[in-house]
Amino acid sequence: MRFIMQAAINMAVFLACALLFPNGFILENMLAAAIAALVLAALNQLLKPALLMVALPLLVLSLGAFSLVINAAMLELTAYLVPGFAFANFWWALLVAVLLTVANLIFMDRTHIDIRR
């Protein structure tokens, strides 16, 4: 369930960024957004933990800010793997990584719903 939620949030952020930043973020169609969201969610599950362990000294020195660079690198890898999904340069990927981080902070931790009467 968490994988599907993360992919849905990724796709929503990709579509919003494609509308907000048409010069720096290239997204051909909604199918490319869906495939890129699934690929990014899979890479986050499989590859990101290993990258975080390798970059642990840099994460400690930067007080965790280096994780944004790792997220941007994951987005660049996704852009390499998915046709129709690209960034003009690394700084655009870093901006989208920041927006993805904010969206995931807002929406991903809301897994428990309390119904009060």
PDB file of N, CA and C in Angstrom:
ATOM      1  N   MET A   1       0.823  -1.190   0.000  1.00  0.00           N
ATOM      2  CA  MET A   1       0.000   0.000   0.000  1.00  0.00           C
ATOM      3  C   MET A   1       0.869   1.256   0.000  1.00  0.00           C
ATOM      4  N   ARG A   2       1.969   1.226   0.744  1.00  0.00           N
ATOM      5  CA  ARG A   2       2.866   2.378   0.816  1.00  0.00           C
ATOM      6  C   ARG A   2       3.495   2.660  -0.552  1.00  0.00           C
ATOM      7  N   PHE A   3       3.845   1.604  -1.285  1.00  0.00           N
ATOM      8  CA  PHE A   3       4.430   1.755  -2.614  1.00  0.00           C
ATOM      9  C   PHE A   3       3.460   2.465  -3.550  1.00  0.00           C
ATOM     10  N   ILE A   4       2.188   2.081  -3.514  1.00  0.00           N
ATOM     11  CA  ILE A   4       1.178   2.678  -4.381  1.00  0.00           C
ATOM     12  C   ILE A   4       0.943   4.135  -4.000  1.00  0.00           C
ATOM     13  N   MET A   5       0.917   4.427  -2.700  1.00  0.00           N
ATOM     14  CA  MET A   5       0.747   5.808  -2.250  1.00  0.00           C
ATOM     15  C   MET A   5       1.914   6.672  -2.704  1.00  0.00           C
ATOM     16  N   GLN A   6       3.127   6.147  -2.562  1.00  0.00           N
ATOM     17  CA  GLN A   6       4.296   6.916  -2.956  1.00  0.00           C
ATOM     18  C   GLN A   6       4.305   7.153  -4.466  1.00  0.00           C
ATOM     19  N   ALA A   7       3.937   6.153  -5.249  1.00  0.00           N
ATOM     20  CA  ALA A   7       3.878   6.321  -6.700  1.00  0.00           C
ATOM     21  C   ALA A   7       2.808   7.341  -7.088  1.00  0.00           C
ATOM     22  N   ALA A   8       1.680   7.339  -6.417  1.00  0.00           N
ATOM     23  CA  ALA A   8       0.620   8.306  -6.722  1.00  0.00           C
ATOM     24  C   ALA A   8       1.056   9.733  -6.385  1.00  0.00           C
ATOM     25  N   ILE A   9       1.718   9.908  -5.262  1.00  0.00           N
ATOM     26  CA  ILE A   9       2.224  11.231  -4.887  1.00  0.00           C
ATOM     27  C   ILE A   9       3.286  11.686  -5.881  1.00  0.00           C
ATOM     28  N   ASN A  10       4.181  10.776  -6.266  1.00  0.00           N
ATOM     29  CA  ASN A  10       5.210  11.115  -7.248  1.00  0.00           C
ATOM     30  C   ASN A  10       4.581  11.573  -8.566  1.00  0.00           C
ATOM     31  N   MET A  11       3.574  10.849  -9.013  1.00  0.00           N
ATOM     32  CA  MET A  11       2.932  11.205 -10.277  1.00  0.00           C
ATOM     33  C   MET A  11       2.260  12.568 -10.175  1.00  0.00           C
ATOM     34  N   ALA A  12       1.590  12.842  -9.069  1.00  0.00           N
ATOM     35  CA  ALA A  12       0.936  14.143  -8.895  1.00  0.00           C
ATOM     36  C   ALA A  12       1.957  15.279  -8.902  1.00  0.00           C
ATOM     37  N   VAL A  13       3.081  15.084  -8.237  1.00  0.00           N
ATOM     38  CA  VAL A  13       4.125  16.116  -8.217  1.00  0.00           C
ATOM     39  C   VAL A  13       4.737  16.276  -9.602  1.00  0.00           C
ATOM     40  N   PHE A  14       4.935  15.187 -10.327  1.00  0.00           N
ATOM     41  CA  PHE A  14       5.475  15.280 -11.686  1.00  0.00           C
ATOM     42  C   PHE A  14       4.536  16.078 -12.589  1.00  0.00           C
ATOM     43  N   LEU A  15       3.244  15.807 -12.503  1.00  0.00           N
ATOM     44  CA  LEU A  15       2.288  16.530 -13.343  1.00  0.00           C
ATOM     45  C   LEU A  15       2.236  18.007 -12.975  1.00  0.00           C
ATOM     46  N   ALA A  16       2.288  18.310 -11.673  1.00  0.00           N
ATOM     47  CA  ALA A  16       2.287  19.707 -11.243  1.00  0.00           C
ATOM     48  C   ALA A  16       3.552  20.422 -11.695  1.00  0.00           C
ATOM     49  N   CYS A  17       4.687  19.766 -11.583  1.00  0.00           N
ATOM     50  CA  CYS A  17       5.953  20.383 -12.004  1.00  0.00           C
ATOM     51  C   CYS A  17       6.002  20.586 -13.512  1.00  0.00           C
ATOM     52  N   ALA A  18       5.398  19.683 -14.257  1.00  0.00           N
ATOM     53  CA  ALA A  18       5.357  19.844 -15.711  1.00  0.00           C
ATOM     54  C   ALA A  18       4.550  21.085 -16.090  1.00  0.00           C
ATOM     55  N   LEU A  19       3.521  21.400 -15.310  1.00  0.00           N
ATOM     56  CA  LEU A  19       2.738  22.603 -15.572  1.00  0.00           C
ATOM     57  C   LEU A  19       3.441  23.860 -15.081  1.00  0.00           C
ATOM     58  N   LEU A  20       4.106  23.770 -13.937  1.00  0.00           N
ATOM     59  CA  LEU A  20       4.751  24.943 -13.350  1.00  0.00           C
ATOM     60  C   LEU A  20       6.079  25.302 -14.012  1.00  0.00           C
ATOM     61  N   PHE A  21       6.845  24.303 -14.427  1.00  0.00           N
ATOM     62  CA  PHE A  21       8.187  24.527 -14.965  1.00  0.00           C
ATOM     63  C   PHE A  21       8.331  23.896 -16.349  1.00  0.00           C
ATOM     64  N   PRO A  22       7.667  24.443 -17.369  1.00  0.00           N
ATOM     65  CA  PRO A  22       7.727  23.797 -18.685  1.00  0.00           C
ATOM     66  C   PRO A  22       9.100  23.879 -19.355  1.00  0.00           C
ATOM     67  N   ASN A  23       9.951  24.807 -18.947  1.00  0.00           N
ATOM     68  CA  ASN A  23      11.263  24.936 -19.577  1.00  0.00           C
ATOM     69  C   ASN A  23      12.315  24.017 -18.964  1.00  0.00           C
ATOM     70  N   GLY A  24      12.173  23.687 -17.687  1.00  0.00           N
ATOM     71  CA  GLY A  24      13.199  22.906 -17.022  1.00  0.00           C
ATOM     72  C   GLY A  24      12.860  21.446 -16.816  1.00  0.00           C
ATOM     73  N   PHE A  25      11.582  21.117 -16.898  1.00  0.00           N
ATOM     74  CA  PHE A  25      11.118  19.763 -16.626  1.00  0.00           C
ATOM     75  C   PHE A  25      10.313  19.284 -17.826  1.00  0.00           C
ATOM     76  N   ILE A  26      10.805  18.268 -18.494  1.00  0.00           N
ATOM     77  CA  ILE A  26      10.168  17.776 -19.713  1.00  0.00           C
ATOM     78  C   ILE A  26       9.394  16.501 -19.404  1.00  0.00           C
ATOM     79  N   LEU A  27       8.100  16.547 -19.677  1.00  0.00           N
ATOM     80  CA  LEU A  27       7.218  15.400 -19.467  1.00  0.00           C
ATOM     81  C   LEU A  27       6.308  15.315 -20.684  1.00  0.00           C
ATOM     82  N   GLU A  28       6.461  14.253 -21.464  1.00  0.00           N
ATOM     83  CA  GLU A  28       5.734  14.158 -22.735  1.00  0.00           C
ATOM     84  C   GLU A  28       4.245  13.917 -22.548  1.00  0.00           C
ATOM     85  N   ASN A  29       3.885  12.981 -21.672  1.00  0.00           N
ATOM     86  CA  ASN A  29       2.468  12.664 -21.500  1.00  0.00           C
ATOM     87  C   ASN A  29       2.249  12.041 -20.124  1.00  0.00           C
ATOM     88  N   MET A  30       0.993  11.712 -19.838  1.00  0.00           N
ATOM     89  CA  MET A  30       0.661  11.155 -18.526  1.00  0.00           C
ATOM     90  C   MET A  30       1.189   9.737 -18.360  1.00  0.00           C
ATOM     91  N   LEU A  31       1.312   9.004 -19.450  1.00  0.00           N
ATOM     92  CA  LEU A  31       1.874   7.655 -19.363  1.00  0.00           C
ATOM     93  C   LEU A  31       3.334   7.711 -18.926  1.00  0.00           C
ATOM     94  N   ALA A  32       4.078   8.676 -19.458  1.00  0.00           N
ATOM     95  CA  ALA A  32       5.475   8.842 -19.026  1.00  0.00           C
ATOM     96  C   ALA A  32       5.539   9.221 -17.557  1.00  0.00           C
ATOM     97  N   ALA A  33       4.591  10.040 -17.088  1.00  0.00           N
ATOM     98  CA  ALA A  33       4.551  10.409 -15.668  1.00  0.00           C
ATOM     99  C   ALA A  33       4.252   9.192 -14.797  1.00  0.00           C
ATOM    100  N   ALA A  34       3.321   8.351 -15.247  1.00  0.00           N
ATOM    101  CA  ALA A  34       2.976   7.156 -14.467  1.00  0.00           C
ATOM    102  C   ALA A  34       4.141   6.174 -14.412  1.00  0.00           C
ATOM    103  N   ILE A  35       4.789   5.957 -15.547  1.00  0.00           N
ATOM    104  CA  ILE A  35       5.934   5.031 -15.570  1.00  0.00           C
ATOM    105  C   ILE A  35       7.079   5.585 -14.739  1.00  0.00           C
ATOM    106  N   ALA A  36       7.331   6.891 -14.857  1.00  0.00           N
ATOM    107  CA  ALA A  36       8.408   7.500 -14.071  1.00  0.00           C
ATOM    108  C   ALA A  36       8.107   7.429 -12.572  1.00  0.00           C
ATOM    109  N   ALA A  37       6.851   7.601 -12.200  1.00  0.00           N
ATOM    110  CA  ALA A  37       6.480   7.513 -10.782  1.00  0.00           C
ATOM    111  C   ALA A  37       6.699   6.103 -10.252  1.00  0.00           C
ATOM    112  N   LEU A  38       6.345   5.095 -11.038  1.00  0.00           N
ATOM    113  CA  LEU A  38       6.559   3.709 -10.615  1.00  0.00           C
ATOM    114  C   LEU A  38       8.050   3.370 -10.549  1.00  0.00           C
ATOM    115  N   VAL A  39       8.816   3.835 -11.543  1.00  0.00           N
ATOM    116  CA  VAL A  39      10.257   3.561 -11.545  1.00  0.00           C
ATOM    117  C   VAL A  39      10.932   4.247 -10.356  1.00  0.00           C
ATOM    118  N   LEU A  40      10.552   5.507 -10.091  1.00  0.00           N
ATOM    119  CA  LEU A  40      11.151   6.210  -8.957  1.00  0.00           C
ATOM    120  C   LEU A  40      10.788   5.554  -7.634  1.00  0.00           C
ATOM    121  N   ALA A  41       9.546   5.121  -7.480  1.00  0.00           N
ATOM    122  CA  ALA A  41       9.151   4.436  -6.247  1.00  0.00           C
ATOM    123  C   ALA A  41       9.924   3.128  -6.083  1.00  0.00           C
ATOM    124  N   ALA A  42      10.131   2.401  -7.182  1.00  0.00           N
ATOM    125  CA  ALA A  42      10.905   1.159  -7.104  1.00  0.00           C
ATOM    126  C   ALA A  42      12.367   1.437  -6.782  1.00  0.00           C
ATOM    127  N   LEU A  43      12.942   2.458  -7.402  1.00  0.00           N
ATOM    128  CA  LEU A  43      14.339   2.811  -7.098  1.00  0.00           C
ATOM    129  C   LEU A  43      14.492   3.261  -5.646  1.00  0.00           C
ATOM    130  N   ASN A  44      13.494   3.982  -5.141  1.00  0.00           N
ATOM    131  CA  ASN A  44      13.546   4.407  -3.737  1.00  0.00           C
ATOM    132  C   ASN A  44      13.492   3.216  -2.784  1.00  0.00           C
ATOM    133  N   GLN A  45      12.779   2.173  -3.170  1.00  0.00           N
ATOM    134  CA  GLN A  45      12.695   0.985  -2.325  1.00  0.00           C
ATOM    135  C   GLN A  45      13.953   0.129  -2.421  1.00  0.00           C
ATOM    136  N   LEU A  46      14.538   0.046  -3.611  1.00  0.00           N
ATOM    137  CA  LEU A  46      15.651  -0.885  -3.841  1.00  0.00           C
ATOM    138  C   LEU A  46      17.028  -0.261  -3.699  1.00  0.00           C
ATOM    139  N   LEU A  47      17.245   0.893  -4.297  1.00  0.00           N
ATOM    140  CA  LEU A  47      18.586   1.453  -4.408  1.00  0.00           C
ATOM    141  C   LEU A  47      18.886   2.532  -3.372  1.00  0.00           C
ATOM    142  N   LYS A  48      17.900   3.277  -2.963  1.00  0.00           N
ATOM    143  CA  LYS A  48      18.133   4.410  -2.069  1.00  0.00           C
ATOM    144  C   LYS A  48      18.727   4.021  -0.716  1.00  0.00           C
ATOM    145  N   PRO A  49      18.294   2.933  -0.073  1.00  0.00           N
ATOM    146  CA  PRO A  49      18.920   2.582   1.211  1.00  0.00           C
ATOM    147  C   PRO A  49      20.428   2.343   1.093  1.00  0.00           C
ATOM    148  N   ALA A  50      20.858   1.716   0.010  1.00  0.00           N
ATOM    149  CA  ALA A  50      22.291   1.487  -0.182  1.00  0.00           C
ATOM    150  C   ALA A  50      23.032   2.803  -0.403  1.00  0.00           C
ATOM    151  N   LEU A  51      22.440   3.707  -1.167  1.00  0.00           N
ATOM    152  CA  LEU A  51      23.065   5.011  -1.384  1.00  0.00           C
ATOM    153  C   LEU A  51      23.162   5.812  -0.086  1.00  0.00           C
ATOM    154  N   LEU A  52      22.147   5.716   0.748  1.00  0.00           N
ATOM    155  CA  LEU A  52      22.190   6.420   2.030  1.00  0.00           C
ATOM    156  C   LEU A  52      23.290   5.867   2.936  1.00  0.00           C
ATOM    157  N   MET A  53      23.501   4.565   2.892  1.00  0.00           N
ATOM    158  CA  MET A  53      24.574   3.976   3.706  1.00  0.00           C
ATOM    159  C   MET A  53      25.949   4.391   3.202  1.00  0.00           C
ATOM    160  N   VAL A  54      26.115   4.425   1.884  1.00  0.00           N
ATOM    161  CA  VAL A  54      27.405   4.824   1.309  1.00  0.00           C
ATOM    162  C   VAL A  54      27.689   6.298   1.606  1.00  0.00           C
ATOM    163  N   ALA A  55      26.661   7.121   1.564  1.00  0.00           N
ATOM    164  CA  ALA A  55      26.825   8.560   1.765  1.00  0.00           C
ATOM    165  C   ALA A  55      26.651   8.985   3.215  1.00  0.00           C
ATOM    166  N   LEU A  56      26.672   8.060   4.139  1.00  0.00           N
ATOM    167  CA  LEU A  56      26.436   8.380   5.543  1.00  0.00           C
ATOM    168  C   LEU A  56      27.371   9.456   6.094  1.00  0.00           C
ATOM    169  N   PRO A  57      28.678   9.428   5.805  1.00  0.00           N
ATOM    170  CA  PRO A  57      29.526  10.513   6.319  1.00  0.00           C
ATOM    171  C   PRO A  57      29.105  11.901   5.808  1.00  0.00           C
ATOM    172  N   LEU A  58      28.729  11.979   4.529  1.00  0.00           N
ATOM    173  CA  LEU A  58      28.279  13.266   3.987  1.00  0.00           C
ATOM    174  C   LEU A  58      26.935  13.687   4.576  1.00  0.00           C
ATOM    175  N   LEU A  59      26.080  12.717   4.837  1.00  0.00           N
ATOM    176  CA  LEU A  59      24.801  13.027   5.468  1.00  0.00           C
ATOM    177  C   LEU A  59      24.993  13.574   6.875  1.00  0.00           C
ATOM    178  N   VAL A  60      25.932  13.004   7.612  1.00  0.00           N
ATOM    179  CA  VAL A  60      26.200  13.479   8.971  1.00  0.00           C
ATOM    180  C   VAL A  60      26.800  14.883   8.932  1.00  0.00           C
ATOM    181  N   LEU A  61      27.765  15.097   8.042  1.00  0.00           N
ATOM    182  CA  LEU A  61      28.412  16.410   7.947  1.00  0.00           C
ATOM    183  C   LEU A  61      27.440  17.502   7.509  1.00  0.00           C
ATOM    184  N   SER A  62      26.506  17.169   6.639  1.00  0.00           N
ATOM    185  CA  SER A  62      25.561  18.166   6.140  1.00  0.00           C
ATOM    186  C   SER A  62      24.260  18.194   6.943  1.00  0.00           C
ATOM    187  N   LEU A  63      24.206  17.433   8.020  1.00  0.00           N
ATOM    188  CA  LEU A  63      23.011  17.340   8.864  1.00  0.00           C
ATOM    189  C   LEU A  63      21.785  16.882   8.070  1.00  0.00           C
ATOM    190  N   GLY A  64      21.998  15.997   7.119  1.00  0.00           N
ATOM    191  CA  GLY A  64      20.916  15.395   6.356  1.00  0.00           C
ATOM    192  C   GLY A  64      20.572  16.093   5.058  1.00  0.00           C
ATOM    193  N   ALA A  65      21.157  17.259   4.815  1.00  0.00           N
ATOM    194  CA  ALA A  65      20.824  18.005   3.595  1.00  0.00           C
ATOM    195  C   ALA A  65      21.310  17.288   2.335  1.00  0.00           C
ATOM    196  N   PHE A  66      22.316  16.448   2.467  1.00  0.00           N
ATOM    197  CA  PHE A  66      22.828  15.722   1.303  1.00  0.00           C
ATOM    198  C   PHE A  66      21.799  14.727   0.763  1.00  0.00           C
ATOM    199  N   SER A  67      20.794  14.392   1.563  1.00  0.00           N
ATOM    200  CA  SER A  67      19.752  13.474   1.079  1.00  0.00           C
ATOM    201  C   SER A  67      18.979  14.094  -0.085  1.00  0.00           C
ATOM    202  N   LEU A  68      18.905  15.429  -0.153  1.00  0.00           N
ATOM    203  CA  LEU A  68      18.267  16.072  -1.305  1.00  0.00           C
ATOM    204  C   LEU A  68      19.070  15.833  -2.580  1.00  0.00           C
ATOM    205  N   VAL A  69      20.387  15.812  -2.464  1.00  0.00           N
ATOM    206  CA  VAL A  69      21.233  15.525  -3.619  1.00  0.00           C
ATOM    207  C   VAL A  69      21.041  14.074  -4.055  1.00  0.00           C
ATOM    208  N   ILE A  70      20.911  13.175  -3.088  1.00  0.00           N
ATOM    209  CA  ILE A  70      20.651  11.773  -3.413  1.00  0.00           C
ATOM    210  C   ILE A  70      19.292  11.634  -4.102  1.00  0.00           C
ATOM    211  N   ASN A  71      18.288  12.364  -3.613  1.00  0.00           N
ATOM    212  CA  ASN A  71      16.974  12.327  -4.259  1.00  0.00           C
ATOM    213  C   ASN A  71      17.037  12.871  -5.683  1.00  0.00           C
ATOM    214  N   ALA A  72      17.804  13.932  -5.888  1.00  0.00           N
ATOM    215  CA  ALA A  72      17.961  14.481  -7.235  1.00  0.00           C
ATOM    216  C   ALA A  72      18.680  13.486  -8.144  1.00  0.00           C
ATOM    217  N   ALA A  73      19.659  12.774  -7.604  1.00  0.00           N
ATOM    218  CA  ALA A  73      20.354  11.755  -8.393  1.00  0.00           C
ATOM    219  C   ALA A  73      19.402  10.610  -8.754  1.00  0.00           C
ATOM    220  N   MET A  74      18.509  10.254  -7.847  1.00  0.00           N
ATOM    221  CA  MET A  74      17.512   9.226  -8.148  1.00  0.00           C
ATOM    222  C   MET A  74      16.565   9.708  -9.260  1.00  0.00           C
ATOM    223  N   LEU A  75      16.218  10.996  -9.242  1.00  0.00           N
ATOM    224  CA  LEU A  75      15.384  11.540 -10.307  1.00  0.00           C
ATOM    225  C   LEU A  75      16.118  11.540 -11.645  1.00  0.00           C
ATOM    226  N   GLU A  76      17.404  11.857 -11.631  1.00  0.00           N
ATOM    227  CA  GLU A  76      18.196  11.825 -12.862  1.00  0.00           C
ATOM    228  C   GLU A  76      18.297  10.393 -13.402  1.00  0.00           C
ATOM    229  N   LEU A  77      18.440   9.422 -12.509  1.00  0.00           N
ATOM    230  CA  LEU A  77      18.473   8.023 -12.931  1.00  0.00           C
ATOM    231  C   LEU A  77      17.127   7.612 -13.519  1.00  0.00           C
ATOM    232  N   THR A  78      16.056   8.073 -12.912  1.00  0.00           N
ATOM    233  CA  THR A  78      14.725   7.801 -13.452  1.00  0.00           C
ATOM    234  C   THR A  78      14.568   8.427 -14.834  1.00  0.00           C
ATOM    235  N   ALA A  79      15.072   9.649 -14.999  1.00  0.00           N
ATOM    236  CA  ALA A  79      15.002  10.312 -16.307  1.00  0.00           C
ATOM    237  C   ALA A  79      15.819   9.564 -17.349  1.00  0.00           C
ATOM    238  N   TYR A  80      16.909   8.946 -16.931  1.00  0.00           N
ATOM    239  CA  TYR A  80      17.721   8.156 -17.851  1.00  0.00           C
ATOM    240  C   TYR A  80      16.989   6.886 -18.293  1.00  0.00           C
ATOM    241  N   LEU A  81      16.215   6.297 -17.373  1.00  0.00           N
ATOM    242  CA  LEU A  81      15.540   5.029 -17.652  1.00  0.00           C
ATOM    243  C   LEU A  81      14.203   5.182 -18.372  1.00  0.00           C
ATOM    244  N   VAL A  82      13.528   6.312 -18.204  1.00  0.00           N
ATOM    245  CA  VAL A  82      12.173   6.489 -18.732  1.00  0.00           C
ATOM    246  C   VAL A  82      12.201   7.486 -19.893  1.00  0.00           C
ATOM    247  N   PRO A  83      11.830   7.061 -21.076  1.00  0.00           N
ATOM    248  CA  PRO A  83      11.755   8.015 -22.186  1.00  0.00           C
ATOM    249  C   PRO A  83      10.562   8.962 -22.014  1.00  0.00           C
ATOM    250  N   GLY A  84      10.749  10.211 -22.395  1.00  0.00           N
ATOM    251  CA  GLY A  84       9.683  11.196 -22.251  1.00  0.00           C
ATOM    252  C   GLY A  84       9.668  11.877 -20.908  1.00  0.00           C
ATOM    253  N   PHE A  85      10.684  11.639 -20.098  1.00  0.00           N
ATOM    254  CA  PHE A  85      10.792  12.214 -18.760  1.00  0.00           C
ATOM    255  C   PHE A  85      12.228  12.702 -18.623  1.00  0.00           C
ATOM    256  N   ALA A  86      12.419  14.031 -18.519  1.00  0.00           N
ATOM    257  CA  ALA A  86      13.781  14.556 -18.501  1.00  0.00           C
ATOM    258  C   ALA A  86      13.837  15.891 -17.767  1.00  0.00           C
ATOM    259  N   PHE A  87      15.051  16.287 -17.439  1.00  0.00           N
ATOM    260  CA  PHE A  87      15.327  17.573 -16.804  1.00  0.00           C
ATOM    261  C   PHE A  87      16.310  18.338 -17.676  1.00  0.00           C
ATOM    262  N   ALA A  88      16.190  19.676 -17.651  1.00  0.00           N
ATOM    263  CA  ALA A  88      17.108  20.500 -18.431  1.00  0.00           C
ATOM    264  C   ALA A  88      18.518  20.425 -17.853  1.00  0.00           C
ATOM    265  N   ASN A  89      18.626  20.387 -16.528  1.00  0.00           N
ATOM    266  CA  ASN A  89      19.914  20.231 -15.861  1.00  0.00           C
ATOM    267  C   ASN A  89      19.687  19.699 -14.447  1.00  0.00           C
ATOM    268  N   PHE A  90      20.786  19.523 -13.718  1.00  0.00           N
ATOM    269  CA  PHE A  90      20.698  18.925 -12.383  1.00  0.00           C
ATOM    270  C   PHE A  90      19.936  19.819 -11.409  1.00  0.00           C
ATOM    271  N   TRP A  91      20.000  21.136 -11.596  1.00  0.00           N
ATOM    272  CA  TRP A  91      19.333  22.045 -10.663  1.00  0.00           C
ATOM    273  C   TRP A  91      17.825  21.904 -10.728  1.00  0.00           C
ATOM    274  N   TRP A  92      17.290  21.617 -11.914  1.00  0.00           N
ATOM    275  CA  TRP A  92      15.856  21.363 -12.024  1.00  0.00           C
ATOM    276  C   TRP A  92      15.490  20.068 -11.306  1.00  0.00           C
ATOM    277  N   ALA A  93      16.342  19.075 -11.413  1.00  0.00           N
ATOM    278  CA  ALA A  93      16.107  17.821 -10.691  1.00  0.00           C
ATOM    279  C   ALA A  93      16.155  18.057  -9.185  1.00  0.00           C
ATOM    280  N   LEU A  94      17.056  18.925  -8.737  1.00  0.00           N
ATOM    281  CA  LEU A  94      17.140  19.242  -7.309  1.00  0.00           C
ATOM    282  C   LEU A  94      15.874  19.967  -6.846  1.00  0.00           C
ATOM    283  N   LEU A  95      15.358  20.874  -7.666  1.00  0.00           N
ATOM    284  CA  LEU A  95      14.116  21.571  -7.313  1.00  0.00           C
ATOM    285  C   LEU A  95      12.945  20.596  -7.218  1.00  0.00           C
ATOM    286  N   VAL A  96      12.833  19.696  -8.172  1.00  0.00           N
ATOM    287  CA  VAL A  96      11.755  18.696  -8.130  1.00  0.00           C
ATOM    288  C   VAL A  96      11.949  17.761  -6.938  1.00  0.00           C
ATOM    289  N   ALA A  97      13.198  17.456  -6.583  1.00  0.00           N
ATOM    290  CA  ALA A  97      13.468  16.617  -5.410  1.00  0.00           C
ATOM    291  C   ALA A  97      12.995  17.307  -4.140  1.00  0.00           C
ATOM    292  N   VAL A  98      13.202  18.608  -4.046  1.00  0.00           N
ATOM    293  CA  VAL A  98      12.714  19.359  -2.874  1.00  0.00           C
ATOM    294  C   VAL A  98      11.192  19.311  -2.819  1.00  0.00           C
ATOM    295  N   LEU A  99      10.542  19.515  -3.961  1.00  0.00           N
ATOM    296  CA  LEU A  99       9.077  19.472  -3.984  1.00  0.00           C
ATOM    297  C   LEU A  99       8.541  18.076  -3.667  1.00  0.00           C
ATOM    298  N   LEU A 100       9.212  17.045  -4.151  1.00  0.00           N
ATOM    299  CA  LEU A 100       8.816  15.673  -3.821  1.00  0.00           C
ATOM    300  C   LEU A 100       8.986  15.397  -2.328  1.00  0.00           C
ATOM    301  N   THR A 101      10.053  15.900  -1.756  1.00  0.00           N
ATOM    302  CA  THR A 101      10.291  15.706  -0.323  1.00  0.00           C
ATOM    303  C   THR A 101       9.201  16.372   0.501  1.00  0.00           C
ATOM    304  N   VAL A 102       8.839  17.592   0.134  1.00  0.00           N
ATOM    305  CA  VAL A 102       7.774  18.302   0.854  1.00  0.00           C
ATOM    306  C   VAL A 102       6.443  17.568   0.708  1.00  0.00           C
ATOM    307  N   ALA A 103       6.124  17.134  -0.500  1.00  0.00           N
ATOM    308  CA  ALA A 103       4.862  16.412  -0.717  1.00  0.00           C
ATOM    309  C   ALA A 103       4.829  15.100   0.060  1.00  0.00           C
ATOM    310  N   ASN A 104       5.950  14.382   0.081  1.00  0.00           N
ATOM    311  CA  ASN A 104       5.987  13.129   0.834  1.00  0.00           C
ATOM    312  C   ASN A 104       5.892  13.375   2.335  1.00  0.00           C
ATOM    313  N   LEU A 105       6.474  14.458   2.829  1.00  0.00           N
ATOM    314  CA  LEU A 105       6.345  14.788   4.246  1.00  0.00           C
ATOM    315  C   LEU A 105       4.901  15.103   4.613  1.00  0.00           C
ATOM    316  N   ILE A 106       4.210  15.757   3.708  1.00  0.00           N
ATOM    317  CA  ILE A 106       2.823  16.138   3.992  1.00  0.00           C
ATOM    318  C   ILE A 106       1.879  14.943   3.901  1.00  0.00           C
ATOM    319  N   PHE A 107       2.031  14.119   2.860  1.00  0.00           N
ATOM    320  CA  PHE A 107       1.013  13.106   2.580  1.00  0.00           C
ATOM    321  C   PHE A 107       1.358  11.682   3.006  1.00  0.00           C
ATOM    322  N   MET A 108       2.620  11.310   3.092  1.00  0.00           N
ATOM    323  CA  MET A 108       2.962   9.907   3.337  1.00  0.00           C
ATOM    324  C   MET A 108       2.755   9.459   4.771  1.00  0.00           C
ATOM    325  N   ASP A 109       2.876  10.314   5.752  1.00  0.00           N
ATOM    326  CA  ASP A 109       2.762   9.885   7.135  1.00  0.00           C
ATOM    327  C   ASP A 109       1.334   9.879   7.638  1.00  0.00           C
ATOM    328  N   ARG A 110       0.402  10.048   6.769  1.00  0.00           N
ATOM    329  CA  ARG A 110      -1.004  10.048   7.161  1.00  0.00           C
ATOM    330  C   ARG A 110      -1.639   8.687   6.866  1.00  0.00           C
ATOM    331  N   THR A 111      -1.052   7.644   7.429  1.00  0.00           N
ATOM    332  CA  THR A 111      -1.566   6.312   7.178  1.00  0.00           C
ATOM    333  C   THR A 111      -2.616   5.891   8.199  1.00  0.00           C
ATOM    334  N   HIS A 112      -2.632   6.529   9.341  1.00  0.00           N
ATOM    335  CA  HIS A 112      -3.582   6.188  10.386  1.00  0.00           C
ATOM    336  C   HIS A 112      -4.685   7.231  10.419  1.00  0.00           C
ATOM    337  N   ILE A 113      -5.926   6.795  10.263  1.00  0.00           N
ATOM    338  CA  ILE A 113      -7.061   7.701  10.242  1.00  0.00           C
ATOM    339  C   ILE A 113      -7.916   7.426  11.456  1.00  0.00           C
ATOM    340  N   ASP A 114      -8.154   8.448  12.259  1.00  0.00           N
ATOM    341  CA  ASP A 114      -9.031   8.335  13.418  1.00  0.00           C
ATOM    342  C   ASP A 114     -10.395   8.886  13.063  1.00  0.00           C
ATOM    343  N   ILE A 115     -11.429   8.091  13.332  1.00  0.00           N
ATOM    344  CA  ILE A 115     -12.799   8.554  13.107  1.00  0.00           C
ATOM    345  C   ILE A 115     -13.411   8.790  14.476  1.00  0.00           C
ATOM    346  N   ARG A 116     -13.720  10.042  14.734  1.00  0.00           N
ATOM    347  CA  ARG A 116     -14.293  10.411  16.035  1.00  0.00           C
ATOM    348  C   ARG A 116     -15.754  10.771  15.857  1.00  0.00           C
ATOM    349  N   ARG A 117     -16.539  10.369  16.860  1.00  0.00           N
ATOM    350  CA  ARG A 117     -17.968  10.700  16.810  1.00  0.00           C
ATOM    351  C   ARG A 117     -18.336  11.582  17.945  1.00  0.00           C
TER     352      ARG A 117
END
